[in-house]
Amino acid sequence: MKVFNSDRTIVKNFLFFYVSFLLVTLILPMFNIFKQSLLNSDGDFVMFSNFVEYFHSPHLLHSLWNSILVSIITTLISVFLSFVYAYAIYHRKIGWSYLFNFVAILPLLATTMMHGISLVYLFGNQGFFSKIIPELLNEILGTNFSLHIPIYGFLGIIISEVIYTFPQSFMILAIAFSFADKRLYEAAETLGASPIKKFFTVTLPSLKYGLLSATITNFILSFTDFGAPKIIGGTYNVIAVDIYKQVVGQQNIPMGATVGIILLIPSFIAFIADRFIQNKRSITFTSKSVPYTPKKHRIFDNILKLYCITVAILILLIIGTSIFASFIKNWPYNFQLTLEHYTFKDVAGGMESYFNSILISIYTAVTGTILIFSGAYLVEKSKIAKLFKSTIQLLALLPLAIPGLVIGVAYILFFNTVEFNIMGFNIVNPFNFLYGTYTIMVISNIIHFFSVPFLTALTGLKKLDNEYETVSESLSVPFYKFFTKVTLPMSITTIIEIFFYLFVNSMVTVSALVFLYTYETRPATVAIINMEEAGDVAAAAAMSSLIIFTNLIFKVIFDLLMKSFRKRSDRWLKH
C-alpha cells in the first residue's frame, strides 16, 4: 500500500509505543525476576545459591515432584476423556453437538476454585456423598454405613485439574478431528482394513500433532494452576502454592523469585515443543482434503452418546453443586433456600470485589482488544522492516510460555521497587506509581492473555483479500482510513472473539492478581480464596456462581453478535 509521510509518522510512533509497552510490561519484569533469584534477602549477589538451597530443601523439592506427578496423571486422564468426547462428536457425529460443546466449555467460564469448592460440598467431611447419603441409608436400612473419600489433597487436586484442563484439550482435539480426510478412509476400506485397523492406521496418525499439543497444553495448565490446589490441596503442597507461601506468607522474595524461575522452565520447554508441533501440523493440511462422513453404527454410536452424556452430567454436577449450595441456608443441616450468601455480609471482599472484577475485565477487554488487534495489524499489513515484525511477533508469543504466577511475582519485584541499583547507581523507578492500582492489574491480565488473541487477530487479518489494499493504493487512500473504513468492519467477528476471550479469562483468573491486589482493588477471584480461608465456603460458592453467571450472560451476547455479523457477512458476499 502507498505510504504517505503522515502514515510513516503514525506507524513509527505506534511501533515505538508498542515495543516500549512490551519492553516495560514483559521483558524488564522478567529480567528483574531472574536477577532477584540470584540475590539473597539482603540484596547481595549469591549466584545460584537460592537454586542450590531449593534443591537441597526436602519440603520445597517434594512440592516440585508433587506438581510433576499431578500434571502427568491429570494430563493422561484429561486427554483420554476429551479424546473420546471429541471423537464421538466430531468423528462419529453422534448428534447433540451444540449441547455437548456447550457443556464441555462450561469449566472455562468458572474459576478453578469453584471446582474445589464443589468437591468439598460433594465429598468433604460434610459432603453430600460422604455424610448426607450415608446418613439416609443408615436411617432407612438401619445400618452403620460410612464413606470417607480423601478429597483434601492429591485426589481432590487431580479431579479439579481434570475438570479445568478437559475443555482445553477437547477444543484442540475437536479441531484436529475436523480435519479428517475422507480419502484416507476410503483408501483403507479399499485395502480391506477393519474398523479397528483404520482407527490405528488412519485416525490416530492423523491426530498425532493434536494429541501432542493437547498433552503439552494440559501439562502446563495443571503444572501452573494455583486456584484448585489452594482450595482443595490441604497439606499436599505443589509448586504453584509454594510461590504464594514464599512471597505472601514468608515474605521471602528471593526464594519466591527462584521458585518462579523453576516454574517457568518446564513451561518454556513445553512452549517450544508446542510451537514446533504447530508448525509441523500446519503443513499436513491441504486444500484437497475431503471432509470425513462416518458410516453409522447404531450400537457403537449409542455407547459413545451415553459416554458423552455421562461426562456432561459429571461436569454439570461439579459446576451445579457450587451454584446449588450458594442458595442453601446451612449445608448440610438446613436446606432452606436463601439469597443471604449473595449479600456477602461480614465476609472478605463482598460485592465490591465482584464489581472490581467487572471493572478490571472490561478495561482489560477494551484496552487489550485495541492494543492486540492494532499490533497484529502492524505485523501483518503495515510496511515496516521484517526485523521489527519478527521482534513484535516473538514478544507477542512469549507470554504463552510464562505462567500467570510468574507474571505476578515479576510485577511485584519490578513495579513495587522504588529505586533500582544499576552498577552502583540508584535510579528512580518511573513506573512505581502503577503498583497497587487497577491499571497494573489490567496490564498483567493483558500480558498474561496476550498471545492467543494476538494469534487470532493474525489469522483473521490473513483471511482479508489483498485486492482491497490494491484498490485502496490505486486510489491513494491513507492507510489509517483504509484501516478504519475497511479493515475494522471486515474484522468485526475477530474483534468480538478477542474481546470475549479477554473478558472471560480476566473474570476467572487469580494467579497473577493474587500478588497485585490491595484492599480497595481486590478482585472476586482473590475474595473467593480469602472467603474459603476464613471458612465462609457458602459465600465463596456464591461469588464463584456470580462469576459464571456473568460469563454465561456474556457468552449468550457473544453468540448472538457472532450469529448476527456472520449473517450480514454472508449476505454481503452473495451480493
Protein backbone atom coordinates (compact mmCIF):
# COMPACT_ATOMS: atom_id res chain seq x y z
CA MET A 1 0.00 0.00 0.00
CA LYS A 2 1.21 3.51 -0.75
CA VAL A 3 2.70 5.12 2.35
CA PHE A 4 2.34 8.87 2.93
CA ASN A 5 4.58 10.91 5.25
CA SER A 6 1.77 11.14 7.79
CA ASP A 7 1.37 7.36 7.53
CA ARG A 8 5.06 6.84 8.25
CA THR A 9 4.85 9.07 11.31
CA ILE A 10 1.82 7.23 12.70
CA VAL A 11 3.41 3.84 12.09
CA LYS A 12 6.73 4.90 13.64
CA ASN A 13 5.03 6.36 16.71
CA PHE A 14 2.84 3.33 17.21
CA LEU A 15 5.77 0.98 16.65
CA PHE A 16 7.79 2.86 19.28
CA PHE A 17 4.85 2.72 21.72
CA TYR A 18 4.23 -0.98 21.07
CA VAL A 19 7.82 -2.09 21.57
CA SER A 20 8.14 0.17 24.64
CA PHE A 21 4.95 -1.28 26.14
CA LEU A 22 6.14 -4.88 25.71
CA LEU A 23 9.58 -3.94 27.00
CA VAL A 24 8.24 -2.36 30.21
CA THR A 25 5.45 -4.86 30.89
CA LEU A 26 7.18 -8.07 29.78
CA ILE A 27 10.93 -8.03 29.19
CA LEU A 28 12.09 -5.83 32.09
CA PRO A 29 9.91 -7.55 34.74
CA MET A 30 11.06 -11.00 33.56
CA PHE A 31 14.69 -9.89 33.54
CA ASN A 32 14.22 -8.48 37.03
CA ILE A 33 12.75 -11.71 38.46
CA PHE A 34 15.73 -13.63 37.14
CA LYS A 35 18.04 -11.06 38.72
CA GLN A 36 16.22 -11.33 42.08
CA SER A 37 16.63 -15.11 42.04
CA LEU A 38 20.39 -14.53 42.11
CA LEU A 39 20.27 -12.29 45.21
CA ASN A 40 19.81 -13.06 48.90
CA SER A 41 17.38 -11.35 51.29
CA ASP A 42 19.94 -8.56 51.90
CA GLY A 43 20.25 -7.85 48.18
CA ASP A 44 23.74 -9.38 47.84
CA PHE A 45 24.64 -11.31 44.71
CA VAL A 46 24.83 -15.02 45.54
CA MET A 47 24.78 -16.50 42.03
CA PHE A 48 22.79 -19.78 42.05
CA SER A 49 22.79 -20.29 45.84
CA ASN A 50 18.99 -19.94 46.00
CA PHE A 51 18.58 -22.71 43.45
CA VAL A 52 21.02 -24.93 45.37
CA GLU A 53 19.07 -24.21 48.56
CA TYR A 54 15.82 -25.07 46.81
CA PHE A 55 17.01 -28.43 45.54
CA HIS A 56 18.51 -29.21 48.97
CA SER A 57 15.24 -28.39 50.74
CA PRO A 58 13.22 -31.63 51.08
CA HIS A 59 9.97 -29.71 51.58
CA LEU A 60 10.34 -27.50 48.51
CA LEU A 61 11.72 -30.27 46.31
CA HIS A 62 8.83 -32.51 47.35
CA SER A 63 6.41 -29.85 46.08
CA LEU A 64 8.11 -29.93 42.69
CA TRP A 65 7.75 -33.71 42.42
CA ASN A 66 4.13 -33.42 43.58
CA SER A 67 3.43 -30.92 40.80
CA ILE A 68 5.04 -33.14 38.18
CA LEU A 69 3.08 -36.19 39.38
CA VAL A 70 -0.22 -34.28 39.46
CA SER A 71 0.41 -32.86 35.98
CA ILE A 72 1.28 -36.24 34.45
CA ILE A 73 -1.76 -38.02 35.90
CA THR A 74 -4.09 -35.11 35.12
CA THR A 75 -2.83 -34.98 31.54
CA LEU A 76 -3.30 -38.71 30.95
CA ILE A 77 -6.84 -38.70 32.32
CA SER A 78 -7.93 -35.43 30.73
CA VAL A 79 -6.53 -36.19 27.27
CA PHE A 80 -8.16 -39.65 27.27
CA LEU A 81 -11.56 -38.31 28.37
CA SER A 82 -11.50 -35.41 25.93
CA PHE A 83 -10.24 -37.62 23.09
CA VAL A 84 -13.21 -39.96 23.35
CA TYR A 85 -15.58 -37.00 23.80
CA ALA A 86 -14.25 -35.21 20.70
CA TYR A 87 -14.12 -38.48 18.76
CA ALA A 88 -17.81 -39.09 19.43
CA ILE A 89 -18.93 -35.58 18.49
CA TYR A 90 -16.64 -34.67 15.58
CA HIS A 91 -15.61 -38.03 14.13
CA ARG A 92 -18.61 -40.27 14.72
CA LYS A 93 -21.02 -37.29 14.57
CA ILE A 94 -23.40 -38.73 17.17
CA GLY A 95 -25.60 -35.62 17.31
CA TRP A 96 -26.45 -33.16 20.09
CA SER A 97 -23.18 -31.41 19.21
CA TYR A 98 -24.25 -27.94 20.37
CA LEU A 99 -25.32 -29.23 23.78
CA PHE A 100 -22.20 -31.35 24.28
CA ASN A 101 -19.96 -28.48 23.13
CA PHE A 102 -21.66 -26.02 25.45
CA VAL A 103 -21.26 -28.27 28.50
CA ALA A 104 -17.65 -29.05 27.59
CA ILE A 105 -16.59 -25.39 27.69
CA LEU A 106 -18.51 -24.55 30.89
CA PRO A 107 -15.40 -25.06 33.10
CA LEU A 108 -13.71 -22.28 31.11
CA LEU A 109 -16.36 -19.85 32.37
CA ALA A 110 -15.75 -20.76 36.01
CA THR A 111 -12.81 -20.27 38.34
CA THR A 112 -10.72 -23.32 39.20
CA MET A 113 -11.56 -22.60 42.85
CA MET A 114 -15.20 -23.40 42.04
CA HIS A 115 -14.24 -26.98 41.19
CA GLY A 116 -12.52 -27.37 44.54
CA ILE A 117 -15.46 -25.87 46.42
CA SER A 118 -17.87 -28.27 44.71
CA LEU A 119 -15.72 -31.24 45.65
CA VAL A 120 -15.81 -30.09 49.27
CA TYR A 121 -19.61 -29.97 49.14
CA LEU A 122 -19.77 -33.40 47.50
CA PHE A 123 -17.03 -35.37 49.23
CA GLY A 124 -15.79 -33.26 52.15
CA ASN A 125 -16.41 -34.02 55.82
CA GLN A 126 -19.95 -32.62 55.49
CA GLY A 127 -20.35 -33.62 51.85
CA PHE A 128 -23.36 -34.98 50.02
CA PHE A 129 -21.81 -38.38 49.29
CA SER A 130 -19.69 -38.64 52.42
CA LYS A 131 -22.31 -37.55 55.00
CA ILE A 132 -25.83 -36.99 53.67
CA ILE A 133 -26.19 -40.17 51.59
CA PRO A 134 -24.69 -42.50 54.28
CA GLU A 135 -26.98 -40.98 56.95
CA LEU A 136 -30.04 -41.51 54.74
CA LEU A 137 -29.04 -45.12 54.03
CA ASN A 138 -28.39 -45.79 57.69
CA GLU A 139 -31.76 -44.32 58.64
CA ILE A 140 -33.63 -46.36 56.00
CA LEU A 141 -31.74 -49.64 56.31
CA GLY A 142 -30.73 -49.45 59.96
CA THR A 143 -27.07 -49.99 59.07
CA ASN A 144 -23.88 -48.28 60.22
CA PHE A 145 -22.50 -47.47 56.79
CA SER A 146 -19.89 -44.73 56.42
CA LEU A 147 -18.00 -43.38 53.46
CA HIS A 148 -14.73 -41.48 53.66
CA ILE A 149 -13.11 -40.16 50.49
CA PRO A 150 -9.73 -38.42 50.97
CA ILE A 151 -10.74 -35.46 48.83
CA TYR A 152 -8.38 -32.98 50.51
CA GLY A 153 -5.01 -33.41 48.85
CA PHE A 154 -3.82 -35.43 45.87
CA LEU A 155 -7.18 -36.87 44.80
CA GLY A 156 -9.03 -33.56 45.06
CA ILE A 157 -6.35 -31.73 43.07
CA ILE A 158 -6.41 -34.37 40.32
CA ILE A 159 -10.20 -34.21 39.93
CA SER A 160 -10.18 -30.40 39.93
CA GLU A 161 -7.37 -30.21 37.38
CA VAL A 162 -9.03 -32.76 35.09
CA ILE A 163 -12.17 -30.60 35.05
CA TYR A 164 -10.05 -27.49 34.45
CA THR A 165 -7.98 -28.95 31.59
CA PHE A 166 -10.71 -31.05 29.92
CA PRO A 167 -12.19 -28.21 27.80
CA GLN A 168 -8.74 -27.06 26.68
CA SER A 169 -7.74 -30.44 25.26
CA PHE A 170 -11.26 -31.02 23.93
CA MET A 171 -11.09 -27.87 21.79
CA ILE A 172 -7.65 -28.80 20.43
CA LEU A 173 -8.77 -32.33 19.58
CA ALA A 174 -12.08 -31.12 18.14
CA ILE A 175 -10.12 -29.03 15.62
CA ALA A 176 -7.85 -32.00 14.86
CA PHE A 177 -10.83 -34.29 14.22
CA SER A 178 -12.48 -31.72 11.97
CA PHE A 179 -9.57 -32.06 9.52
CA ALA A 180 -10.09 -35.80 8.99
CA ASP A 181 -9.66 -36.63 5.30
CA LYS A 182 -12.31 -38.94 3.82
CA ARG A 183 -9.96 -40.09 1.04
CA LEU A 184 -7.67 -41.83 3.53
CA TYR A 185 -10.55 -43.84 4.97
CA GLU A 186 -11.78 -44.79 1.51
CA ALA A 187 -8.29 -46.00 0.62
CA ALA A 188 -8.13 -48.06 3.83
CA GLU A 189 -11.53 -49.62 3.08
CA THR A 190 -10.40 -50.46 -0.44
CA LEU A 191 -7.46 -52.34 1.06
CA GLY A 192 -9.85 -54.28 3.30
CA ALA A 193 -8.89 -52.64 6.62
CA SER A 194 -11.16 -53.40 9.58
CA PRO A 195 -12.64 -50.52 11.66
CA ILE A 196 -10.07 -51.15 14.42
CA LYS A 197 -7.19 -51.18 11.94
CA LYS A 198 -8.47 -47.96 10.34
CA PHE A 199 -8.52 -46.35 13.78
CA PHE A 200 -4.88 -47.24 14.47
CA THR A 201 -3.53 -46.71 10.97
CA VAL A 202 -5.54 -43.67 9.83
CA THR A 203 -7.31 -41.91 12.69
CA LEU A 204 -4.56 -41.89 15.34
CA PRO A 205 -1.69 -40.97 12.96
CA SER A 206 -3.71 -38.04 11.60
CA LEU A 207 -4.24 -36.82 15.17
CA LYS A 208 -0.68 -37.15 16.43
CA TYR A 209 0.06 -33.42 16.43
CA GLY A 210 -3.28 -32.58 18.00
CA LEU A 211 -2.72 -35.18 20.71
CA LEU A 212 0.78 -33.89 21.41
CA SER A 213 -0.47 -30.31 21.56
CA ALA A 214 -3.32 -31.28 23.92
CA THR A 215 -0.88 -33.21 26.11
CA ILE A 216 1.56 -30.32 26.37
CA THR A 217 -1.21 -27.78 26.99
CA ASN A 218 -2.78 -29.87 29.75
CA PHE A 219 0.57 -30.46 31.42
CA ILE A 220 1.35 -26.72 31.50
CA LEU A 221 -2.12 -25.78 32.77
CA SER A 222 -2.14 -28.32 35.60
CA PHE A 223 1.50 -27.68 36.50
CA THR A 224 0.99 -23.93 36.89
CA ASP A 225 -2.56 -23.80 38.31
CA PHE A 226 -2.90 -22.14 41.70
CA GLY A 227 -6.64 -21.92 42.42
CA ALA A 228 -7.65 -25.58 42.77
CA PRO A 229 -4.62 -26.70 44.87
CA LYS A 230 -5.13 -23.70 47.15
CA ILE A 231 -8.76 -24.67 47.85
CA ILE A 232 -8.67 -28.47 47.90
CA GLY A 233 -4.95 -29.28 48.28
CA GLY A 234 -4.86 -29.50 52.07
CA THR A 235 -1.33 -30.42 53.18
CA TYR A 236 -0.40 -31.71 49.73
CA ASN A 237 1.95 -28.97 48.54
CA VAL A 238 2.56 -28.13 44.90
CA ILE A 239 4.99 -25.63 43.43
CA ALA A 240 2.33 -23.07 42.47
CA VAL A 241 1.15 -22.80 46.08
CA ASP A 242 4.77 -22.70 47.28
CA ILE A 243 5.35 -19.48 45.34
CA TYR A 244 2.38 -17.92 47.12
CA LYS A 245 3.66 -19.10 50.51
CA GLN A 246 7.19 -17.82 49.87
CA VAL A 247 6.13 -14.37 48.62
CA VAL A 248 2.95 -13.64 50.61
CA GLY A 249 3.32 -15.89 53.65
CA GLN A 250 7.05 -15.70 54.41
CA GLN A 251 7.95 -12.51 52.51
CA ASN A 252 10.93 -14.43 51.13
CA ILE A 253 11.17 -12.58 47.84
CA PRO A 254 14.44 -14.13 46.54
CA MET A 255 13.17 -17.67 47.12
CA GLY A 256 9.79 -16.72 45.61
CA ALA A 257 11.64 -15.48 42.51
CA THR A 258 13.68 -18.69 42.48
CA VAL A 259 10.58 -20.88 42.61
CA GLY A 260 9.07 -18.70 39.88
CA ILE A 261 12.05 -19.35 37.59
CA ILE A 262 11.80 -23.09 38.30
CA LEU A 263 8.09 -22.98 37.45
CA LEU A 264 8.97 -21.14 34.24
CA ILE A 265 11.47 -23.72 32.94
CA PRO A 266 9.09 -26.62 32.13
CA SER A 267 6.53 -24.16 30.78
CA PHE A 268 9.10 -22.66 28.44
CA ILE A 269 10.28 -26.08 27.25
CA ALA A 270 6.67 -27.10 26.64
CA PHE A 271 6.07 -23.83 24.77
CA ILE A 272 8.98 -24.51 22.40
CA ALA A 273 7.73 -28.06 21.83
CA ASP A 274 4.19 -26.83 21.16
CA ARG A 275 5.39 -24.23 18.64
CA PHE A 276 7.31 -26.96 16.83
CA ILE A 277 4.20 -29.16 16.79
CA GLN A 278 2.01 -26.31 15.50
CA ASN A 279 4.41 -25.68 12.61
CA LYS A 280 4.51 -29.38 11.77
CA ARG A 281 0.74 -29.69 11.94
CA SER A 282 0.15 -26.72 9.64
CA ILE A 283 1.90 -28.42 6.72
CA THR A 284 -0.26 -31.56 6.98
CA PHE A 285 -3.47 -29.75 5.94
CA THR A 286 -4.22 -29.41 2.27
CA SER A 287 -6.98 -27.75 0.28
CA LYS A 288 -7.71 -31.10 -1.41
CA SER A 289 -8.83 -32.77 1.81
CA VAL A 290 -12.41 -34.10 1.77
CA PRO A 291 -14.49 -33.89 4.98
CA TYR A 292 -14.99 -37.29 6.58
CA THR A 293 -18.52 -38.69 6.85
CA PRO A 294 -18.71 -41.81 9.04
CA LYS A 295 -20.84 -44.84 8.35
CA LYS A 296 -23.48 -45.15 11.05
CA HIS A 297 -23.16 -47.94 13.62
CA ARG A 298 -26.17 -47.72 15.91
CA ILE A 299 -24.86 -49.72 18.90
CA PHE A 300 -21.37 -48.17 18.87
CA ASP A 301 -22.71 -44.64 18.36
CA ASN A 302 -25.24 -45.07 21.19
CA ILE A 303 -22.44 -46.21 23.51
CA LEU A 304 -20.47 -43.11 22.59
CA LYS A 305 -23.52 -40.91 23.12
CA LEU A 306 -24.03 -42.48 26.56
CA TYR A 307 -20.38 -41.73 27.33
CA CYS A 308 -20.79 -38.08 26.31
CA ILE A 309 -23.99 -37.79 28.39
CA THR A 310 -22.12 -39.22 31.41
CA VAL A 311 -19.21 -36.79 31.03
CA ALA A 312 -21.63 -33.88 30.54
CA ILE A 313 -23.56 -34.87 33.68
CA LEU A 314 -20.34 -35.03 35.72
CA ILE A 315 -19.31 -31.56 34.52
CA LEU A 316 -22.76 -30.18 35.30
CA LEU A 317 -22.65 -31.88 38.70
CA ILE A 318 -19.39 -30.16 39.62
CA ILE A 319 -20.49 -26.76 38.30
CA GLY A 320 -24.05 -27.09 39.60
CA THR A 321 -23.10 -28.17 43.12
CA SER A 322 -21.48 -24.85 43.99
CA ILE A 323 -24.40 -22.96 42.44
CA PHE A 324 -26.94 -25.05 44.36
CA ALA A 325 -25.00 -24.78 47.63
CA SER A 326 -24.83 -20.99 47.29
CA PHE A 327 -28.64 -20.90 47.68
CA ILE A 328 -28.72 -23.24 50.70
CA LYS A 329 -29.01 -21.72 54.17
CA ASN A 330 -26.66 -24.05 56.04
CA TRP A 331 -25.21 -27.07 54.25
CA PRO A 332 -25.85 -29.91 55.17
CA TYR A 333 -28.11 -29.12 58.14
CA ASN A 334 -30.65 -26.68 56.72
CA PHE A 335 -31.56 -26.94 53.02
CA GLN A 336 -33.90 -23.96 53.10
CA LEU A 337 -33.42 -21.78 50.01
CA THR A 338 -31.98 -18.34 50.65
CA LEU A 339 -30.18 -15.44 48.99
CA GLU A 340 -28.33 -14.36 52.12
CA HIS A 341 -24.97 -15.69 50.91
CA TYR A 342 -25.18 -13.27 47.99
CA THR A 343 -25.22 -10.31 50.38
CA PHE A 344 -21.62 -11.18 51.35
CA LYS A 345 -22.23 -9.69 54.77
CA ASP A 346 -19.17 -9.74 57.06
CA VAL A 347 -17.01 -11.63 54.56
CA ALA A 348 -13.78 -10.70 52.80
CA GLY A 349 -14.25 -8.59 49.70
CA GLY A 350 -18.04 -8.52 49.47
CA MET A 351 -19.83 -7.22 46.40
CA GLU A 352 -17.09 -4.63 45.96
CA SER A 353 -14.72 -7.37 44.81
CA TYR A 354 -17.24 -8.58 42.24
CA PHE A 355 -17.63 -5.10 40.77
CA ASN A 356 -13.84 -4.75 40.85
CA SER A 357 -13.60 -7.86 38.67
CA ILE A 358 -16.21 -6.49 36.25
CA LEU A 359 -14.29 -3.22 36.03
CA ILE A 360 -10.91 -4.90 35.58
CA SER A 361 -12.30 -7.32 32.98
CA ILE A 362 -13.96 -4.59 30.92
CA TYR A 363 -10.82 -2.44 30.98
CA THR A 364 -8.74 -5.49 30.05
CA ALA A 365 -11.07 -6.46 27.20
CA VAL A 366 -11.36 -2.95 25.74
CA THR A 367 -7.71 -1.92 26.10
CA GLY A 368 -6.38 -5.36 25.26
CA THR A 369 -8.52 -5.70 22.13
CA ILE A 370 -7.37 -2.32 20.79
CA LEU A 371 -3.73 -2.99 21.61
CA ILE A 372 -3.59 -6.59 20.41
CA PHE A 373 -5.53 -6.10 17.17
CA SER A 374 -3.55 -2.96 16.29
CA GLY A 375 -0.30 -4.80 16.94
CA ALA A 376 -1.37 -7.73 14.79
CA TYR A 377 -2.29 -5.28 12.01
CA LEU A 378 1.14 -3.67 12.37
CA VAL A 379 2.78 -7.07 11.89
CA GLU A 380 0.52 -8.41 9.14
CA LYS A 381 -0.43 -5.43 6.98
CA SER A 382 1.84 -2.43 7.52
CA LYS A 383 5.09 -1.84 5.65
CA ILE A 384 7.65 -1.99 8.45
CA ALA A 385 11.02 -3.72 8.45
CA LYS A 386 10.89 -7.51 8.66
CA LEU A 387 13.16 -7.39 11.72
CA PHE A 388 10.60 -5.29 13.63
CA LYS A 389 7.77 -7.59 12.58
CA SER A 390 9.68 -10.66 13.75
CA THR A 391 10.58 -8.97 17.04
CA ILE A 392 6.99 -7.98 17.81
CA GLN A 393 5.73 -11.43 16.87
CA LEU A 394 8.30 -13.09 19.14
CA LEU A 395 7.44 -10.80 22.06
CA ALA A 396 3.72 -11.36 21.46
CA LEU A 397 4.12 -15.16 21.64
CA LEU A 398 6.39 -15.10 24.71
CA PRO A 399 3.52 -14.84 27.29
CA LEU A 400 2.37 -18.31 26.19
CA ALA A 401 5.45 -19.66 27.99
CA ILE A 402 5.03 -17.58 31.16
CA PRO A 403 2.64 -18.78 33.91
CA GLY A 404 0.40 -16.16 35.49
CA LEU A 405 2.01 -16.72 38.90
CA VAL A 406 5.42 -15.83 37.46
CA ILE A 407 3.98 -12.67 35.90
CA GLY A 408 2.52 -11.73 39.28
CA VAL A 409 5.82 -12.22 41.12
CA ALA A 410 7.72 -10.40 38.36
CA TYR A 411 5.36 -7.43 38.63
CA ILE A 412 5.75 -7.26 42.41
CA LEU A 413 9.53 -7.20 42.08
CA PHE A 414 9.57 -4.69 39.24
CA PHE A 415 6.75 -2.22 39.87
CA ASN A 416 6.94 -2.24 43.68
CA THR A 417 10.61 -1.27 43.64
CA VAL A 418 11.16 2.43 44.32
CA GLU A 419 14.76 2.52 43.11
CA PHE A 420 16.91 0.20 41.01
CA ASN A 421 20.58 -0.19 41.80
CA ILE A 422 22.33 -0.40 38.45
CA MET A 423 26.14 -0.62 38.52
CA GLY A 424 26.25 1.21 41.84
CA PHE A 425 23.85 3.97 40.79
CA ASN A 426 20.37 4.34 42.31
CA ILE A 427 17.85 5.05 39.59
CA VAL A 428 14.27 6.00 40.45
CA ASN A 429 11.68 3.59 39.06
CA PRO A 430 9.37 5.76 36.89
CA PHE A 431 6.71 3.01 36.87
CA ASN A 432 6.40 2.56 40.64
CA PHE A 433 3.23 4.70 40.69
CA LEU A 434 1.37 1.88 38.91
CA TYR A 435 1.75 -0.56 41.79
CA GLY A 436 -1.42 -1.09 43.84
CA THR A 437 -3.69 0.34 41.14
CA TYR A 438 -6.31 -1.12 38.84
CA THR A 439 -4.01 -0.27 35.95
CA ILE A 440 -1.30 -2.73 36.99
CA MET A 441 -3.91 -5.49 37.28
CA VAL A 442 -5.30 -4.68 33.82
CA ILE A 443 -1.79 -4.68 32.35
CA SER A 444 -0.96 -8.02 33.98
CA ASN A 445 -4.13 -9.54 32.51
CA ILE A 446 -3.37 -8.18 29.04
CA ILE A 447 0.16 -9.60 29.13
CA HIS A 448 -0.98 -12.90 30.66
CA PHE A 449 -3.57 -13.50 27.91
CA PHE A 450 -1.79 -11.64 25.10
CA SER A 451 -0.66 -14.46 22.84
CA VAL A 452 -3.87 -16.34 21.97
CA PRO A 453 -5.87 -13.26 20.84
CA PHE A 454 -2.79 -11.97 19.00
CA LEU A 455 -2.65 -15.20 17.01
CA THR A 456 -6.42 -14.98 16.49
CA ALA A 457 -6.04 -11.46 15.12
CA LEU A 458 -3.21 -12.51 12.80
CA THR A 459 -5.32 -15.39 11.47
CA GLY A 460 -8.29 -13.08 10.88
CA LEU A 461 -6.18 -10.48 9.08
CA LYS A 462 -4.57 -13.12 6.85
CA LYS A 463 -8.05 -14.00 5.56
CA LEU A 464 -8.65 -10.48 4.24
CA ASP A 465 -8.24 -10.33 0.48
CA ASN A 466 -5.21 -8.27 -0.58
CA GLU A 467 -7.27 -6.93 -3.51
CA TYR A 468 -8.87 -4.43 -1.14
CA GLU A 469 -5.46 -2.98 -0.38
CA THR A 470 -4.57 -2.87 -4.07
CA VAL A 471 -7.70 -0.84 -4.81
CA SER A 472 -7.02 1.44 -1.84
CA GLU A 473 -3.47 2.01 -3.02
CA SER A 474 -4.62 2.88 -6.53
CA LEU A 475 -6.98 5.47 -5.06
CA SER A 476 -4.19 6.88 -2.81
CA VAL A 477 -6.20 6.28 0.36
CA PRO A 478 -4.10 6.75 3.55
CA PHE A 479 -3.66 3.50 5.45
CA TYR A 480 -5.40 4.78 8.61
CA LYS A 481 -8.57 5.48 6.58
CA PHE A 482 -8.36 2.06 5.00
CA PHE A 483 -7.89 0.58 8.48
CA THR A 484 -10.97 2.29 9.96
CA LYS A 485 -13.25 2.06 6.91
CA VAL A 486 -12.38 -1.41 5.59
CA THR A 487 -10.20 -3.49 7.92
CA LEU A 488 -12.15 -2.91 11.14
CA PRO A 489 -15.63 -3.57 9.67
CA MET A 490 -14.41 -6.73 7.93
CA SER A 491 -12.67 -7.95 11.09
CA ILE A 492 -15.56 -7.34 13.46
CA THR A 493 -16.08 -11.04 14.30
CA THR A 494 -12.37 -11.43 15.12
CA ILE A 495 -12.53 -8.33 17.33
CA ILE A 496 -15.57 -9.70 19.18
CA GLU A 497 -13.77 -13.03 19.73
CA ILE A 498 -10.75 -11.24 21.20
CA PHE A 499 -12.94 -9.08 23.45
CA PHE A 500 -14.87 -12.11 24.75
CA TYR A 501 -11.68 -14.12 25.35
CA LEU A 502 -10.05 -11.32 27.33
CA PHE A 503 -13.16 -10.57 29.38
CA VAL A 504 -13.91 -14.17 30.37
CA ASN A 505 -10.32 -15.00 31.24
CA SER A 506 -9.96 -11.81 33.27
CA MET A 507 -13.07 -12.73 35.25
CA VAL A 508 -11.79 -16.21 36.20
CA THR A 509 -8.04 -15.63 36.63
CA VAL A 510 -6.39 -15.44 40.04
CA SER A 511 -2.74 -16.41 39.54
CA ALA A 512 -1.17 -13.02 38.79
CA LEU A 513 -3.76 -10.89 40.60
CA VAL A 514 -3.25 -12.66 43.94
CA PHE A 515 0.09 -10.82 44.21
CA LEU A 516 -1.05 -7.42 42.92
CA TYR A 517 -4.32 -6.54 44.65
CA THR A 518 -4.86 -4.12 47.51
CA TYR A 519 -7.76 -3.91 49.94
CA GLU A 520 -9.54 -1.49 47.58
CA THR A 521 -8.76 -3.32 44.32
CA ARG A 522 -9.33 -6.92 45.46
CA PRO A 523 -10.98 -8.90 42.60
CA ALA A 524 -13.65 -11.56 43.06
CA THR A 525 -11.29 -14.50 42.49
CA VAL A 526 -8.98 -13.36 45.29
CA ALA A 527 -12.03 -12.74 47.50
CA ILE A 528 -13.06 -16.37 46.93
CA ILE A 529 -9.71 -17.55 48.30
CA ASN A 530 -9.99 -15.17 51.26
CA MET A 531 -13.53 -16.37 51.98
CA GLU A 532 -12.52 -20.01 51.85
CA GLU A 533 -9.55 -19.38 54.15
CA ALA A 534 -11.91 -17.72 56.65
CA GLY A 535 -14.34 -20.66 56.47
CA ASP A 536 -17.02 -18.77 54.53
CA VAL A 537 -17.40 -21.54 51.95
CA ALA A 538 -21.03 -20.70 51.09
CA ALA A 539 -20.07 -17.10 50.32
CA ALA A 540 -17.15 -18.36 48.22
CA ALA A 541 -19.60 -20.58 46.30
CA ALA A 542 -21.90 -17.60 45.81
CA MET A 543 -19.06 -15.45 44.45
CA SER A 544 -17.98 -18.29 42.15
CA SER A 545 -21.57 -18.56 40.93
CA LEU A 546 -21.74 -14.83 40.23
CA ILE A 547 -18.66 -15.13 38.06
CA ILE A 548 -20.03 -17.99 35.99
CA PHE A 549 -23.46 -16.27 35.69
CA THR A 550 -21.69 -13.17 34.37
CA ASN A 551 -19.63 -15.13 31.88
CA LEU A 552 -22.68 -17.07 30.71
CA ILE A 553 -24.50 -13.80 30.02
CA PHE A 554 -21.51 -12.56 28.06
CA LYS A 555 -21.37 -15.84 26.14
CA VAL A 556 -25.02 -15.51 25.11
CA ILE A 557 -24.37 -11.95 23.96
CA PHE A 558 -21.22 -13.12 22.16
CA ASP A 559 -23.08 -15.92 20.35
CA LEU A 560 -25.88 -13.57 19.27
CA LEU A 561 -23.44 -10.97 18.00
CA MET A 562 -21.39 -13.55 16.11
CA LYS A 563 -24.52 -15.02 14.54
CA SER A 564 -25.75 -11.58 13.51
CA PHE A 565 -22.46 -10.43 11.98
CA ARG A 566 -21.94 -13.74 10.16
CA LYS A 567 -25.40 -13.41 8.58
CA ARG A 568 -24.53 -9.89 7.42
CA SER A 569 -21.23 -11.15 6.05
CA ASP A 570 -22.94 -13.97 4.15
CA ARG A 571 -25.48 -11.54 2.64
CA TRP A 572 -22.69 -9.17 1.66
CA LEU A 573 -20.71 -11.96 -0.03
CA LYS A 574 -23.79 -13.08 -2.02
CA HIS A 575 -24.16 -9.59 -3.44
